[in-house]
N, C-alpha and C. Protein backbone atom coordinates (compact mmCIF):
# COMPACT_ATOMS: atom_id res chain seq x y z
N MET A 1 72.42 113.31 97.43
CA MET A 1 73.53 114.31 97.65
C MET A 1 74.66 113.27 97.34
N ALA A 2 75.63 113.73 96.56
CA ALA A 2 76.60 113.08 95.85
C ALA A 2 77.96 112.88 97.07
N ARG A 3 78.50 111.58 97.34
CA ARG A 3 79.64 111.75 97.89
C ARG A 3 80.66 112.48 97.70
N ARG A 4 81.34 113.09 98.81
CA ARG A 4 82.56 113.37 98.04
C ARG A 4 83.68 113.36 98.88
N PRO A 5 84.73 112.87 98.38
CA PRO A 5 86.08 112.38 99.48
C PRO A 5 86.55 114.02 99.98
N PRO A 6 87.50 113.51 100.85
CA PRO A 6 88.10 114.95 101.72
C PRO A 6 89.44 115.21 100.45
N PRO A 7 89.75 116.41 100.64
CA PRO A 7 91.08 116.47 99.66
C PRO A 7 92.02 116.09 99.85
N ILE A 8 92.70 115.76 98.76
CA ILE A 8 93.85 114.51 98.73
C ILE A 8 94.96 114.91 99.73
N TRP A 9 95.48 116.29 99.84
CA TRP A 9 96.34 116.79 100.39
C TRP A 9 96.30 116.41 102.27
N ILE A 10 94.65 116.46 102.47
CA ILE A 10 94.56 116.03 103.92
C ILE A 10 94.96 114.65 104.41
N LEU A 11 94.34 113.84 103.22
CA LEU A 11 94.39 112.46 103.19
C LEU A 11 96.18 111.79 103.21
N LEU A 12 96.80 112.55 102.24
CA LEU A 12 97.97 111.91 102.12
C LEU A 12 99.08 112.90 103.17
N LEU A 13 98.98 113.88 103.88
CA LEU A 13 99.71 114.35 104.79
C LEU A 13 99.07 113.27 106.31
N THR A 14 97.69 113.07 106.57
CA THR A 14 97.69 112.29 107.94
C THR A 14 98.33 110.88 107.52
N VAL A 15 97.88 110.35 106.30
CA VAL A 15 98.86 108.56 106.19
C VAL A 15 100.54 109.18 106.23
N VAL A 16 100.76 109.98 105.76
CA VAL A 16 102.23 110.39 106.25
C VAL A 16 102.76 110.48 107.55
N LEU A 17 102.09 111.52 108.17
CA LEU A 17 102.23 111.70 109.58
C LEU A 17 101.93 110.41 110.20
N VAL A 18 100.59 109.44 109.99
CA VAL A 18 100.35 108.53 111.19
C VAL A 18 101.40 107.41 111.16
N TYR A 19 101.66 107.01 109.33
CA TYR A 19 102.79 106.25 109.32
C TYR A 19 103.90 106.56 109.73
N GLY A 20 104.51 107.89 109.56
CA GLY A 20 105.98 108.06 109.95
C GLY A 20 105.99 107.85 111.87
N ALA A 21 104.77 108.47 112.07
CA ALA A 21 105.06 108.46 113.73
C ALA A 21 104.86 106.92 114.07
N ALA A 22 103.88 105.99 113.63
CA ALA A 22 104.14 104.92 113.76
C ALA A 22 105.11 103.90 113.41
N SER A 23 105.67 104.53 112.72
CA SER A 23 107.34 103.61 112.26
C SER A 23 108.13 103.98 113.32
N VAL A 24 108.09 105.01 113.67
CA VAL A 24 109.39 105.31 114.77
C VAL A 24 109.00 104.88 115.80
N GLY A 25 107.69 104.95 116.41
CA GLY A 25 107.43 104.45 117.57
C GLY A 25 107.79 103.06 117.76
N ILE A 26 107.11 102.15 116.61
CA ILE A 26 107.96 100.64 116.38
C ILE A 26 109.14 100.45 116.47
N VAL A 27 109.96 101.33 115.75
CA VAL A 27 111.54 101.14 115.57
C VAL A 27 111.95 101.57 116.99
N ARG A 28 111.67 102.10 117.70
CA ARG A 28 111.93 102.77 119.04
C ARG A 28 111.57 101.86 120.16
N ALA A 29 110.22 101.34 119.91
CA ALA A 29 109.62 100.47 121.07
C ALA A 29 110.53 98.99 121.31
N LEU A 30 110.78 98.45 119.86
CA LEU A 30 111.55 97.18 119.51
C LEU A 30 112.76 97.50 120.09
N ASP A 31 113.59 98.58 119.50
CA ASP A 31 115.17 98.91 120.11
C ASP A 31 115.89 98.76 118.99
N LEU A 32 114.89 98.87 117.95
CA LEU A 32 115.53 98.33 116.40
C LEU A 32 116.74 99.30 116.36
N PRO A 33 117.45 98.83 115.45
CA PRO A 33 118.82 100.02 115.08
C PRO A 33 117.87 101.19 113.82
N GLU A 34 118.38 102.29 114.29
CA GLU A 34 117.79 102.97 112.66
C GLU A 34 118.02 102.77 111.43
N SER A 35 119.14 102.25 111.41
CA SER A 35 119.70 101.87 109.84
C SER A 35 119.99 100.26 109.67
N PHE A 36 120.40 100.19 108.43
CA PHE A 36 120.99 98.90 108.31
C PHE A 36 121.91 98.76 107.31
N ALA A 37 122.69 97.75 107.29
CA ALA A 37 124.12 97.78 106.40
C ALA A 37 123.72 97.10 104.70
N ILE A 38 124.32 97.79 104.18
CA ILE A 38 123.96 97.51 102.77
C ILE A 38 125.09 98.07 102.01
N PRO A 39 125.69 96.96 101.03
CA PRO A 39 126.54 97.50 100.27
C PRO A 39 126.27 98.87 99.48
N GLY A 40 127.15 100.25 98.92
CA GLY A 40 127.37 101.25 98.28
C GLY A 40 126.72 100.74 96.77
N TRP A 41 126.61 99.77 96.41
CA TRP A 41 126.24 99.41 94.88
C TRP A 41 124.98 99.47 95.09
N VAL A 42 124.24 98.55 96.22
CA VAL A 42 122.82 98.28 96.01
C VAL A 42 122.51 99.58 96.40
N ARG A 43 122.82 100.34 97.42
CA ARG A 43 122.04 101.38 97.99
C ARG A 43 122.07 102.68 96.72
N TRP A 44 123.30 102.83 96.37
CA TRP A 44 123.27 103.88 95.32
C TRP A 44 122.57 103.61 93.92
N GLY A 45 122.94 102.57 93.63
CA GLY A 45 122.96 101.40 92.22
C GLY A 45 121.43 100.99 92.30
N VAL A 46 121.39 100.18 92.96
CA VAL A 46 119.49 99.62 92.59
C VAL A 46 118.25 100.73 93.41
N GLY A 47 119.58 100.99 94.44
CA GLY A 47 118.13 101.98 94.99
C GLY A 47 117.77 103.18 94.15
N ALA A 48 118.61 103.64 93.47
CA ALA A 48 118.37 105.15 92.67
C ALA A 48 117.43 104.50 90.86
N ILE A 49 117.81 102.84 90.82
CA ILE A 49 117.23 102.47 89.87
C ILE A 49 115.78 102.69 90.22
N LEU A 50 115.61 101.87 91.34
CA LEU A 50 114.24 101.79 91.78
C LEU A 50 113.20 103.10 92.01
N ILE A 51 113.85 103.94 92.48
CA ILE A 51 113.36 105.48 92.30
C ILE A 51 112.74 105.78 91.16
N VAL A 52 113.92 105.85 90.34
CA VAL A 52 113.80 106.49 88.73
C VAL A 52 112.64 105.44 88.25
N GLY A 53 112.87 104.37 88.48
CA GLY A 53 111.96 103.75 87.54
C GLY A 53 109.95 103.62 88.35
N GLY A 54 110.26 103.20 89.65
CA GLY A 54 109.20 103.86 90.16
C GLY A 54 108.36 105.11 89.96
N MET A 55 108.76 106.27 89.90
CA MET A 55 109.26 107.60 89.72
C MET A 55 108.04 107.64 87.98
N ALA A 56 108.72 106.66 87.58
CA ALA A 56 108.61 106.91 85.68
C ALA A 56 107.26 105.97 85.41
N LEU A 57 106.91 104.78 86.39
CA LEU A 57 105.78 104.28 86.41
C LEU A 57 104.56 105.08 86.93
N LEU A 58 105.28 106.01 87.79
CA LEU A 58 103.88 107.01 88.42
C LEU A 58 103.61 108.00 87.30
N ALA A 59 104.41 108.78 86.56
CA ALA A 59 104.38 109.37 85.62
C ALA A 59 103.64 109.12 84.60
N ALA A 60 103.71 107.69 84.24
CA ALA A 60 102.93 107.00 82.80
C ALA A 60 101.51 106.79 83.50
N ALA A 61 101.81 106.42 84.63
CA ALA A 61 100.27 106.23 85.07
C ALA A 61 99.11 107.66 85.40
N ILE A 62 99.84 108.45 85.32
CA ILE A 62 98.90 109.71 85.70
C ILE A 62 98.86 110.40 84.28
N ARG A 63 99.84 110.08 83.44
CA ARG A 63 99.79 110.54 82.05
C ARG A 63 98.21 109.88 81.21
N HIS A 64 98.07 108.54 81.71
CA HIS A 64 97.21 107.85 81.17
C HIS A 64 95.60 108.03 82.05
N LEU A 65 95.86 108.46 83.00
CA LEU A 65 94.34 109.03 83.83
C LEU A 65 94.00 110.53 83.18
N SER A 66 94.93 111.14 84.06
CA SER A 66 94.48 112.66 84.07
C SER A 66 95.12 112.96 85.92
N LEU A 67 95.35 114.33 86.09
CA LEU A 67 96.09 114.55 87.26
C LEU A 67 94.82 114.01 88.46
N ARG A 68 93.79 114.77 87.70
CA ARG A 68 92.32 114.87 88.77
C ARG A 68 92.05 113.18 89.38
N ARG A 69 92.07 112.49 88.27
CA ARG A 69 91.64 110.98 88.65
C ARG A 69 92.65 110.41 89.49
N ALA A 70 93.96 110.81 89.26
CA ALA A 70 95.00 110.00 89.52
C ALA A 70 95.29 110.48 91.18
N PHE A 71 95.02 111.80 91.54
CA PHE A 71 94.63 112.10 93.00
C PHE A 71 92.78 111.49 93.70
N GLY A 72 92.23 110.77 93.09
CA GLY A 72 90.98 110.48 92.99
C GLY A 72 90.03 111.39 93.69
N LEU A 73 90.29 112.68 92.55
CA LEU A 73 89.23 113.39 92.79
C LEU A 73 87.72 113.11 91.66
N GLU A 74 87.57 112.02 91.06
CA GLU A 74 86.68 111.81 90.24
C GLU A 74 86.01 110.10 90.72
N ILE A 75 86.43 109.71 91.85
CA ILE A 75 86.53 108.49 92.26
C ILE A 75 84.46 108.47 92.38
N PHE A 76 83.91 109.54 92.62
CA PHE A 76 82.57 109.42 93.00
C PHE A 76 81.65 109.61 91.87
N ALA A 77 82.45 110.00 90.58
CA ALA A 77 81.68 110.73 89.56
C ALA A 77 80.83 109.82 89.10
N PRO A 78 79.39 109.86 88.60
CA PRO A 78 78.47 109.03 87.82
C PRO A 78 79.13 108.37 86.55
N ALA A 79 78.49 106.91 86.60
CA ALA A 79 79.32 106.14 85.55
C ALA A 79 79.12 106.87 84.32
N VAL A 80 78.16 107.56 83.67
CA VAL A 80 78.34 108.16 82.32
C VAL A 80 79.45 109.10 82.16
N GLU A 81 80.05 109.70 83.55
CA GLU A 81 80.89 110.36 83.39
C GLU A 81 82.16 110.10 83.59
N SER A 82 82.50 108.82 83.68
CA SER A 82 83.29 107.95 84.18
C SER A 82 83.85 107.11 82.62
N ALA A 83 85.19 106.81 82.67
CA ALA A 83 85.77 106.18 81.67
C ALA A 83 86.87 105.21 82.07
N LEU A 84 86.88 103.95 81.79
CA LEU A 84 87.45 102.84 82.53
C LEU A 84 88.80 102.85 81.33
N VAL A 85 90.22 103.34 81.88
CA VAL A 85 91.13 103.12 81.36
C VAL A 85 91.92 102.10 81.37
N VAL A 86 92.44 101.37 80.47
CA VAL A 86 92.83 100.20 80.31
C VAL A 86 93.91 100.11 79.24
N SER A 87 94.56 101.17 78.90
CA SER A 87 95.69 101.33 78.12
C SER A 87 96.99 101.89 79.13
N GLY A 88 97.93 102.00 78.12
CA GLY A 88 99.37 102.29 78.93
C GLY A 88 99.40 101.04 79.87
N PRO A 89 100.09 101.23 80.90
CA PRO A 89 100.43 100.61 82.31
C PRO A 89 99.01 100.05 82.78
N TYR A 90 98.19 100.78 82.87
CA TYR A 90 96.68 99.90 83.16
C TYR A 90 96.09 98.63 82.26
N ALA A 91 97.22 98.62 80.91
CA ALA A 91 96.97 97.53 80.42
C ALA A 91 97.61 95.91 80.97
N TYR A 92 98.51 96.57 81.92
CA TYR A 92 99.32 95.40 82.64
C TYR A 92 99.08 95.27 84.04
N VAL A 93 98.78 96.41 84.63
CA VAL A 93 98.28 96.28 85.96
C VAL A 93 97.18 96.90 86.65
N ARG A 94 96.12 96.68 87.47
CA ARG A 94 95.04 97.72 87.66
C ARG A 94 95.46 98.59 88.50
N ASN A 95 96.76 98.69 89.21
CA ASN A 95 97.02 100.20 90.27
C ASN A 95 98.76 100.41 89.64
N PRO A 96 98.63 100.76 88.90
CA PRO A 96 100.37 101.12 88.40
C PRO A 96 100.38 102.32 89.49
N LEU A 97 99.85 103.33 89.91
CA LEU A 97 99.98 104.25 90.63
C LEU A 97 100.68 103.63 91.78
N TYR A 98 99.85 102.73 92.54
CA TYR A 98 100.70 102.20 93.59
C TYR A 98 101.61 100.99 93.59
N LEU A 99 101.61 100.53 92.54
CA LEU A 99 103.17 99.92 91.74
C LEU A 99 104.29 101.00 91.72
N GLY A 100 103.79 101.92 91.40
CA GLY A 100 104.87 102.98 91.22
C GLY A 100 105.34 103.53 92.34
N ALA A 101 104.70 103.85 93.36
CA ALA A 101 104.91 104.28 94.42
C ALA A 101 105.60 103.08 95.62
N GLY A 102 105.15 102.06 95.27
CA GLY A 102 105.94 101.59 96.45
C GLY A 102 107.31 100.69 95.82
N ILE A 103 107.53 100.61 94.23
CA ILE A 103 108.82 100.63 93.96
C ILE A 103 109.65 101.72 94.23
N ALA A 104 109.50 103.05 94.30
CA ALA A 104 109.91 103.96 94.88
C ALA A 104 110.17 104.34 96.07
N LEU A 105 109.29 103.56 96.77
CA LEU A 105 109.33 103.67 98.13
C LEU A 105 110.57 102.49 98.53
N ILE A 106 110.36 101.32 97.93
CA ILE A 106 111.57 100.54 98.17
C ILE A 106 112.95 101.03 97.88
N GLY A 107 113.06 101.84 96.68
CA GLY A 107 114.45 102.32 96.51
C GLY A 107 114.96 103.31 97.34
N TRP A 108 113.86 104.42 98.08
CA TRP A 108 113.97 105.31 98.93
C TRP A 108 114.85 104.63 100.23
N THR A 109 114.04 103.25 100.52
CA THR A 109 114.33 102.79 101.68
C THR A 109 116.01 102.06 101.65
N LEU A 110 116.35 101.64 100.04
CA LEU A 110 117.86 101.04 100.18
C LEU A 110 118.55 102.50 100.45
N VAL A 111 118.32 103.69 99.60
CA VAL A 111 119.27 104.56 99.67
C VAL A 111 119.40 105.22 100.56
N LEU A 112 118.43 105.37 101.77
CA LEU A 112 118.70 106.01 103.39
C LEU A 112 118.82 104.84 104.04
N HIS A 113 118.79 103.49 103.84
CA HIS A 113 119.31 102.67 104.45
C HIS A 113 118.59 102.61 106.18
N SER A 114 117.32 103.09 106.01
CA SER A 114 116.40 103.36 107.18
C SER A 114 115.45 102.09 107.57
N VAL A 115 115.81 101.67 108.94
CA VAL A 115 115.01 100.59 109.35
C VAL A 115 113.16 101.43 109.23
N ILE A 116 113.38 102.93 110.19
CA ILE A 116 112.14 103.27 110.25
C ILE A 116 111.18 103.21 108.67
N LEU A 117 112.03 103.36 107.57
CA LEU A 117 111.07 103.44 106.08
C LEU A 117 110.83 101.80 106.05
N VAL A 118 111.66 100.58 106.37
CA VAL A 118 111.30 99.65 106.10
C VAL A 118 110.11 99.34 106.58
N VAL A 119 109.67 99.93 108.06
CA VAL A 119 108.59 99.81 108.48
C VAL A 119 107.25 100.66 108.22
N ALA A 120 107.72 101.88 107.46
CA ALA A 120 106.51 102.58 107.16
C ALA A 120 106.73 102.02 105.46
N THR A 121 107.17 101.55 104.71
CA THR A 121 106.70 100.98 103.75
C THR A 121 106.01 99.78 103.77
N ALA A 122 106.22 99.14 104.52
CA ALA A 122 105.43 98.02 104.91
C ALA A 122 104.06 98.49 105.09
N PHE A 123 103.46 99.46 106.03
CA PHE A 123 102.40 100.31 106.55
C PHE A 123 101.88 100.69 104.76
N MET A 124 102.84 101.40 104.23
CA MET A 124 102.19 101.57 102.58
C MET A 124 101.42 100.76 102.08
N PHE A 125 102.37 99.29 102.04
CA PHE A 125 102.23 98.23 101.27
C PHE A 125 100.61 97.79 101.41
N VAL A 126 100.47 97.93 102.91
CA VAL A 126 98.95 97.00 103.62
C VAL A 126 98.30 98.03 103.04
N HIS A 127 98.46 99.47 103.09
CA HIS A 127 97.41 100.78 102.67
C HIS A 127 97.08 100.52 101.52
N PHE A 128 97.90 100.63 100.61
CA PHE A 128 97.76 100.15 98.92
C PHE A 128 97.03 99.32 98.60
N PHE A 129 97.13 97.87 99.34
CA PHE A 129 96.53 97.08 99.15
C PHE A 129 94.84 97.14 99.63
N VAL A 130 94.61 97.71 100.66
CA VAL A 130 93.55 97.85 101.32
C VAL A 130 92.64 99.03 100.48
N VAL A 131 93.23 99.97 100.04
CA VAL A 131 92.69 101.36 99.07
C VAL A 131 92.31 100.38 97.64
N ALA A 132 93.12 99.54 97.34
CA ALA A 132 92.92 99.26 95.88
C ALA A 132 91.74 98.07 95.72
N LYS A 133 91.28 97.69 96.87
CA LYS A 133 90.70 96.92 97.40
C LYS A 133 89.11 97.65 97.22
N TRP A 134 88.98 98.52 97.59
CA TRP A 134 88.05 99.52 98.04
C TRP A 134 87.38 100.08 96.90
N GLU A 135 88.85 100.32 95.95
CA GLU A 135 88.50 101.28 94.50
C GLU A 135 87.99 100.00 93.80
N GLU A 136 87.94 98.60 93.92
CA GLU A 136 87.49 97.62 93.05
C GLU A 136 86.03 97.80 93.42
N ARG A 137 85.66 97.57 94.48
CA ARG A 137 84.63 97.33 95.02
C ARG A 137 83.78 98.80 94.45
N GLU A 138 84.01 100.09 94.44
CA GLU A 138 82.99 101.26 94.13
C GLU A 138 83.32 101.30 92.57
N LEU A 139 84.55 100.81 91.52
CA LEU A 139 84.38 100.40 90.29
C LEU A 139 83.33 99.56 90.06
N SER A 140 83.40 98.57 90.31
CA SER A 140 82.87 97.21 90.19
C SER A 140 80.88 98.03 90.53
N ILE A 141 80.77 98.48 91.28
CA ILE A 141 79.57 99.04 91.68
C ILE A 141 79.01 100.38 90.33
N ARG A 142 80.07 101.08 90.06
CA ARG A 142 79.99 101.97 89.24
C ARG A 142 79.82 101.55 87.31
N LEU A 143 80.76 100.88 86.99
CA LEU A 143 80.88 100.49 86.04
C LEU A 143 80.65 98.99 85.52
N GLY A 144 80.27 98.15 86.19
CA GLY A 144 79.81 97.04 86.15
C GLY A 144 81.07 95.95 85.72
N LYS A 145 80.13 95.44 84.27
CA LYS A 145 80.41 94.69 83.35
C LYS A 145 81.80 94.57 82.86
N PRO A 146 81.90 96.20 82.50
CA PRO A 146 82.97 96.12 81.86
C PRO A 146 84.31 96.20 82.69
N TYR A 147 84.26 96.78 84.39
CA TYR A 147 85.14 96.51 85.07
C TYR A 147 85.20 95.32 85.47
N GLU A 148 84.42 94.28 85.61
CA GLU A 148 84.85 93.02 85.70
C GLU A 148 85.53 92.25 85.05
N SER A 149 84.73 92.60 83.61
CA SER A 149 86.00 91.66 82.98
C SER A 149 87.47 92.54 82.77
N TYR A 150 87.72 93.50 82.72
CA TYR A 150 89.19 94.28 82.97
C TYR A 150 89.85 93.35 84.08
N ARG A 151 89.29 93.19 85.43
CA ARG A 151 89.59 92.83 86.65
C ARG A 151 89.91 91.32 86.46
N GLU A 152 89.14 90.68 86.06
CA GLU A 152 89.27 89.50 85.66
C GLU A 152 90.79 88.98 84.75
N SER A 153 91.25 90.08 83.96
CA SER A 153 92.06 89.81 82.69
C SER A 153 93.40 90.53 83.38
N THR A 154 93.33 91.23 84.02
CA THR A 154 94.31 91.84 84.34
C THR A 154 94.79 91.91 86.03
N PRO A 155 96.11 91.70 86.29
CA PRO A 155 96.68 91.55 87.53
C PRO A 155 96.10 92.73 88.64
N LEU A 156 96.47 92.65 89.86
CA LEU A 156 96.31 93.63 90.58
C LEU A 156 97.33 94.71 90.71
N PHE A 157 98.55 93.90 90.99
CA PHE A 157 99.83 94.79 91.35
C PHE A 157 100.92 94.32 90.17
N PHE A 158 100.90 92.87 90.09
CA PHE A 158 102.18 92.43 89.57
C PHE A 158 101.98 91.93 88.12
N PRO A 159 102.77 92.83 86.88
CA PRO A 159 102.40 92.41 85.70
C PRO A 159 102.78 90.72 85.14
N ARG A 160 101.72 90.18 84.53
CA ARG A 160 102.43 88.89 84.18
C ARG A 160 102.90 89.22 83.20
N LEU A 161 104.82 88.46 83.36
CA LEU A 161 105.69 88.80 82.49
C LEU A 161 105.39 87.90 81.21
N PHE A 162 104.78 86.69 80.94
CA PHE A 162 104.47 85.85 79.76
C PHE A 162 103.02 85.48 79.48
N GLY A 163 102.51 85.75 77.97
CA GLY A 163 101.31 85.50 78.26
C GLY A 163 100.36 86.47 77.82
N ARG A 164 100.81 88.00 78.10
CA ARG A 164 99.85 89.09 77.62
C ARG A 164 100.19 89.16 76.19
N THR A 165 98.95 89.23 75.55
CA THR A 165 99.25 89.63 74.02
C THR A 165 98.12 91.03 73.70
N ARG A 166 96.89 91.09 74.68
CA ARG A 166 96.14 92.27 74.02
C ARG A 166 96.67 93.56 74.82
N ARG A 167 96.56 94.73 74.15
CA ARG A 167 96.68 95.89 74.21
C ARG A 167 95.56 96.48 74.67
N GLY A 168 95.30 97.45 75.64
CA GLY A 168 94.27 98.04 76.14
C GLY A 168 93.71 99.71 75.33
N THR A 169 92.58 99.79 75.36
CA THR A 169 92.00 100.87 75.05
C THR A 169 91.27 101.68 76.46
N VAL A 170 90.58 102.87 75.83
CA VAL A 170 89.93 103.75 76.65
C VAL A 170 88.26 103.18 76.41
N ARG A 171 87.61 102.82 77.77
CA ARG A 171 86.30 102.33 77.64
C ARG A 171 85.30 103.90 78.35
N LYS A 172 84.37 104.03 77.59
CA LYS A 172 83.35 105.03 78.42
C LYS A 172 82.21 104.32 78.94
N GLY A 173 81.75 104.81 79.81
CA GLY A 173 80.41 104.41 80.36
C GLY A 173 80.29 103.18 80.78
N PRO A 174 79.08 103.13 81.13
CA PRO A 174 78.40 101.79 82.03
C PRO A 174 77.91 100.53 80.87
N GLY A 175 77.83 101.21 79.59
CA GLY A 175 77.28 100.20 78.52
C GLY A 175 78.19 100.13 77.50
N VAL A 176 79.30 99.87 77.77
CA VAL A 176 80.36 99.48 76.95
C VAL A 176 80.08 98.09 76.81
């Protein structure tokens, strides 16, 4: 019997509620202020740029996958039905969805100048790292050498600014 993940909306709702509640609890328990001082130009200028940039990266990553794949609905698909996407933002980082979400979260943290969001964003970065590592194990098992080659040549989250010359393509199946 094939493994099936729970519906993505349940996972997202659970993550938001748990991390949100934990963040509020930590801020209250440590008696931290709810907001931090930040110049208006950083709050609205840098914060807005990070939100727009992060959301644009998310959109580009989804465009190169598919909405179904972006939401993890094909994570347990058989290898013959899987495609290793190494084009678009995936040519530069293995996890542009998480990178885009992280950039946007930092932007929202600045715009709202919220200490609670600082804590929640930290939780999300740890979450992104743990999930990315789990996904890598799954993809290594399912796709084998093509994925291992991609993993060795492409950074996890932060793109190399220099020395990257190859552009990606889409590879199908395990026998690539």
